[in-house]
Amino acid sequence: NLPPDADKLFLYEKFSPFGAILSVKVLTDPQSGQCRGVGFVNFAEHASAVRSIQALHGTKVGDKSMHVSLQTPRIRASALHTAPM
């Protein structure tokens, strides 16, 4: 639920008080360049991510509440198949 004008700096400023950040990514619409409402922050330490969730989840940004959570790793379909023995 990020605003359309959100960028990497926006996320960095929101999340940096909780710990060292390794990377920030904002998903943008390829045609308009505007934020699609989704971003990712990669912290150096798990505890920093947990603190950011506790502090920011549900907070208002404009007229919307932010949804902040840990990213669940996706399992690729090819990873589900084992090689024959």
N, C-alpha and C. Protein backbone atom coordinates (compact mmCIF):
# COMPACT_ATOMS: atom_id res chain seq x y z
N ASN A 1 0.81 -1.20 0.00
CA ASN A 1 0.00 0.00 0.00
C ASN A 1 0.85 1.27 0.00
N LEU A 2 1.93 1.25 -0.74
CA LEU A 2 2.76 2.45 -0.85
C LEU A 2 2.12 3.43 -1.81
N PRO A 3 2.34 4.73 -1.60
CA PRO A 3 1.78 5.72 -2.51
C PRO A 3 2.45 5.66 -3.89
N PRO A 4 1.77 6.15 -4.93
CA PRO A 4 2.32 6.09 -6.28
C PRO A 4 3.66 6.81 -6.45
N ASP A 5 3.93 7.80 -5.60
CA ASP A 5 5.19 8.55 -5.72
C ASP A 5 6.31 7.99 -4.84
N ALA A 6 6.07 6.85 -4.19
CA ALA A 6 7.10 6.25 -3.33
C ALA A 6 8.28 5.79 -4.18
N ASP A 7 9.49 5.98 -3.63
CA ASP A 7 10.71 5.54 -4.31
C ASP A 7 11.65 4.93 -3.27
N LYS A 8 12.86 4.60 -3.69
CA LYS A 8 13.82 3.96 -2.78
C LYS A 8 14.13 4.85 -1.58
N LEU A 9 14.27 6.15 -1.82
CA LEU A 9 14.57 7.07 -0.72
C LEU A 9 13.43 7.08 0.30
N PHE A 10 12.20 7.05 -0.17
CA PHE A 10 11.03 7.01 0.70
C PHE A 10 11.13 5.81 1.65
N LEU A 11 11.39 4.63 1.08
CA LEU A 11 11.50 3.43 1.91
C LEU A 11 12.70 3.49 2.84
N TYR A 12 13.82 3.96 2.33
CA TYR A 12 15.02 4.06 3.16
C TYR A 12 14.75 4.95 4.37
N GLU A 13 14.13 6.09 4.15
CA GLU A 13 13.86 7.01 5.25
C GLU A 13 12.87 6.43 6.26
N LYS A 14 11.91 5.64 5.80
CA LYS A 14 10.94 5.02 6.70
C LYS A 14 11.57 3.90 7.54
N PHE A 15 12.46 3.12 6.91
CA PHE A 15 12.94 1.90 7.55
C PHE A 15 14.33 2.00 8.19
N SER A 16 15.13 2.97 7.82
CA SER A 16 16.50 3.05 8.34
C SER A 16 16.59 3.26 9.86
N PRO A 17 15.60 3.86 10.51
CA PRO A 17 15.71 3.98 11.97
C PRO A 17 15.75 2.63 12.71
N PHE A 18 15.42 1.54 12.02
CA PHE A 18 15.33 0.25 12.69
C PHE A 18 16.57 -0.61 12.52
N GLY A 19 17.53 -0.17 11.73
CA GLY A 19 18.77 -0.92 11.58
C GLY A 19 19.39 -0.74 10.21
N ALA A 20 20.57 -1.35 10.06
CA ALA A 20 21.32 -1.24 8.80
C ALA A 20 20.56 -1.92 7.67
N ILE A 21 20.46 -1.22 6.55
CA ILE A 21 19.74 -1.72 5.37
C ILE A 21 20.76 -2.13 4.32
N LEU A 22 20.57 -3.34 3.77
CA LEU A 22 21.44 -3.82 2.70
C LEU A 22 20.93 -3.39 1.33
N SER A 23 19.61 -3.41 1.14
CA SER A 23 19.06 -3.01 -0.16
C SER A 23 17.60 -2.60 -0.01
N VAL A 24 17.15 -1.80 -0.97
CA VAL A 24 15.77 -1.33 -1.02
C VAL A 24 15.31 -1.46 -2.46
N LYS A 25 14.08 -1.95 -2.65
CA LYS A 25 13.54 -2.08 -4.00
C LYS A 25 12.08 -1.64 -4.00
N VAL A 26 11.70 -0.87 -5.01
CA VAL A 26 10.32 -0.44 -5.19
C VAL A 26 9.86 -0.96 -6.54
N LEU A 27 8.74 -1.66 -6.57
CA LEU A 27 8.20 -2.15 -7.84
C LEU A 27 7.47 -1.00 -8.53
N THR A 28 7.83 -0.75 -9.78
CA THR A 28 7.23 0.36 -10.51
C THR A 28 6.55 -0.13 -11.78
N ASP A 29 5.59 0.64 -12.21
CA ASP A 29 4.90 0.37 -13.48
C ASP A 29 5.86 0.75 -14.60
N PRO A 30 6.11 -0.14 -15.55
CA PRO A 30 7.08 0.15 -16.61
C PRO A 30 6.67 1.32 -17.51
N GLN A 31 5.39 1.56 -17.66
CA GLN A 31 4.95 2.65 -18.53
C GLN A 31 4.95 4.00 -17.82
N SER A 32 4.39 4.04 -16.61
CA SER A 32 4.27 5.33 -15.92
C SER A 32 5.47 5.63 -15.03
N GLY A 33 6.18 4.58 -14.61
CA GLY A 33 7.30 4.76 -13.69
C GLY A 33 6.85 4.95 -12.25
N GLN A 34 5.55 4.93 -12.00
CA GLN A 34 5.04 5.12 -10.65
C GLN A 34 5.10 3.82 -9.86
N CYS A 35 5.20 3.98 -8.55
CA CYS A 35 5.21 2.83 -7.64
C CYS A 35 3.92 2.04 -7.78
N ARG A 36 4.05 0.72 -7.81
CA ARG A 36 2.88 -0.16 -7.90
C ARG A 36 2.32 -0.50 -6.52
N GLY A 37 2.83 0.15 -5.48
CA GLY A 37 2.32 -0.06 -4.13
C GLY A 37 3.09 -1.09 -3.33
N VAL A 38 4.16 -1.63 -3.93
CA VAL A 38 4.92 -2.70 -3.28
C VAL A 38 6.41 -2.34 -3.24
N GLY A 39 7.03 -2.62 -2.10
CA GLY A 39 8.46 -2.41 -1.97
C GLY A 39 9.07 -3.46 -1.06
N PHE A 40 10.39 -3.57 -1.13
CA PHE A 40 11.12 -4.54 -0.32
C PHE A 40 12.31 -3.86 0.33
N VAL A 41 12.54 -4.17 1.60
CA VAL A 41 13.69 -3.67 2.34
C VAL A 41 14.43 -4.88 2.89
N ASN A 42 15.72 -4.96 2.59
CA ASN A 42 16.55 -6.07 3.06
C ASN A 42 17.46 -5.54 4.16
N PHE A 43 17.22 -5.98 5.39
CA PHE A 43 18.01 -5.55 6.53
C PHE A 43 19.23 -6.45 6.72
N ALA A 44 20.26 -5.90 7.34
CA ALA A 44 21.46 -6.67 7.66
C ALA A 44 21.16 -7.69 8.76
N GLU A 45 20.22 -7.37 9.65
CA GLU A 45 19.91 -8.26 10.76
C GLU A 45 18.41 -8.52 10.84
N HIS A 46 18.06 -9.76 11.14
CA HIS A 46 16.66 -10.16 11.27
C HIS A 46 15.93 -9.32 12.32
N ALA A 47 16.60 -9.03 13.43
CA ALA A 47 15.98 -8.27 14.52
C ALA A 47 15.54 -6.88 14.04
N SER A 48 16.28 -6.30 13.13
CA SER A 48 15.90 -4.99 12.58
C SER A 48 14.60 -5.09 11.80
N ALA A 49 14.46 -6.16 11.04
CA ALA A 49 13.23 -6.37 10.27
C ALA A 49 12.05 -6.54 11.21
N VAL A 50 12.23 -7.29 12.28
CA VAL A 50 11.15 -7.51 13.24
C VAL A 50 10.75 -6.19 13.89
N ARG A 51 11.72 -5.37 14.27
CA ARG A 51 11.42 -4.07 14.87
C ARG A 51 10.64 -3.18 13.90
N SER A 52 11.02 -3.22 12.63
CA SER A 52 10.32 -2.38 11.64
C SER A 52 8.87 -2.84 11.47
N ILE A 53 8.64 -4.14 11.51
CA ILE A 53 7.27 -4.67 11.41
C ILE A 53 6.44 -4.20 12.60
N GLN A 54 7.01 -4.35 13.80
CA GLN A 54 6.29 -3.96 15.01
C GLN A 54 5.94 -2.47 15.01
N ALA A 55 6.83 -1.65 14.48
CA ALA A 55 6.61 -0.21 14.50
C ALA A 55 5.77 0.31 13.34
N LEU A 56 5.92 -0.28 12.15
CA LEU A 56 5.32 0.31 10.96
C LEU A 56 4.08 -0.39 10.41
N HIS A 57 3.89 -1.66 10.73
CA HIS A 57 2.73 -2.38 10.18
C HIS A 57 1.44 -1.70 10.64
N GLY A 58 0.61 -1.34 9.69
CA GLY A 58 -0.67 -0.71 10.00
C GLY A 58 -0.62 0.80 10.11
N THR A 59 0.58 1.39 10.03
CA THR A 59 0.66 2.85 10.10
C THR A 59 0.14 3.45 8.79
N LYS A 60 -0.37 4.65 8.88
CA LYS A 60 -0.96 5.32 7.72
C LYS A 60 0.11 6.02 6.89
N VAL A 61 0.00 5.84 5.59
CA VAL A 61 0.79 6.60 4.62
C VAL A 61 -0.25 7.18 3.67
N GLY A 62 -0.48 8.46 3.81
CA GLY A 62 -1.58 9.06 3.07
C GLY A 62 -2.88 8.54 3.65
N ASP A 63 -3.73 7.99 2.80
CA ASP A 63 -5.02 7.48 3.27
C ASP A 63 -5.05 5.95 3.38
N LYS A 64 -3.89 5.31 3.25
CA LYS A 64 -3.82 3.85 3.29
C LYS A 64 -2.93 3.39 4.44
N SER A 65 -3.23 2.19 4.95
CA SER A 65 -2.40 1.59 5.99
C SER A 65 -1.32 0.73 5.33
N MET A 66 -0.09 0.86 5.84
CA MET A 66 1.00 0.05 5.30
C MET A 66 0.90 -1.38 5.81
N HIS A 67 1.17 -2.31 4.92
CA HIS A 67 1.27 -3.73 5.28
C HIS A 67 2.75 -4.06 5.28
N VAL A 68 3.31 -4.34 6.45
CA VAL A 68 4.73 -4.64 6.58
C VAL A 68 4.86 -6.05 7.14
N SER A 69 5.58 -6.91 6.43
CA SER A 69 5.76 -8.29 6.88
C SER A 69 7.06 -8.84 6.34
N LEU A 70 7.46 -9.99 6.88
CA LEU A 70 8.63 -10.68 6.35
C LEU A 70 8.24 -11.31 5.03
N GLN A 71 9.15 -11.29 4.09
CA GLN A 71 8.88 -11.93 2.80
C GLN A 71 9.05 -13.43 2.96
N THR A 72 8.08 -14.17 2.47
CA THR A 72 8.15 -15.62 2.48
C THR A 72 8.86 -16.07 1.22
N PRO A 73 9.94 -16.83 1.36
CA PRO A 73 10.65 -17.28 0.16
C PRO A 73 9.74 -18.12 -0.73
N ARG A 74 9.81 -17.88 -2.01
CA ARG A 74 9.03 -18.67 -2.96
C ARG A 74 9.83 -19.89 -3.38
N ILE A 75 9.13 -20.99 -3.53
CA ILE A 75 9.77 -22.22 -4.01
C ILE A 75 9.41 -22.36 -5.48
N ARG A 76 10.42 -22.39 -6.31
CA ARG A 76 10.18 -22.56 -7.75
C ARG A 76 9.68 -23.97 -8.01
N ALA A 77 8.83 -24.10 -9.00
CA ALA A 77 8.29 -25.42 -9.35
C ALA A 77 9.41 -26.39 -9.69
N SER A 78 10.46 -25.91 -10.34
CA SER A 78 11.57 -26.80 -10.71
C SER A 78 12.31 -27.32 -9.49
N ALA A 79 12.24 -26.60 -8.37
CA ALA A 79 12.92 -27.04 -7.16
C ALA A 79 12.16 -28.18 -6.48
N LEU A 80 10.90 -28.38 -6.86
CA LEU A 80 10.10 -29.44 -6.26
C LEU A 80 10.38 -30.80 -6.86
N HIS A 81 10.99 -30.82 -8.02
CA HIS A 81 11.28 -32.08 -8.70
C HIS A 81 12.69 -32.55 -8.36
N THR A 82 12.80 -33.81 -8.05
CA THR A 82 14.12 -34.34 -7.74
C THR A 82 14.67 -35.06 -8.96
N ALA A 83 15.96 -35.12 -9.02
CA ALA A 83 16.61 -35.81 -10.14
C ALA A 83 16.49 -37.32 -9.94
N PRO A 84 16.34 -38.06 -11.03
CA PRO A 84 16.26 -39.52 -10.90
C PRO A 84 17.58 -40.08 -10.36
N MET A 85 17.45 -41.17 -9.63
CA MET A 85 18.65 -41.80 -9.06
C MET A 85 19.02 -43.02 -9.83
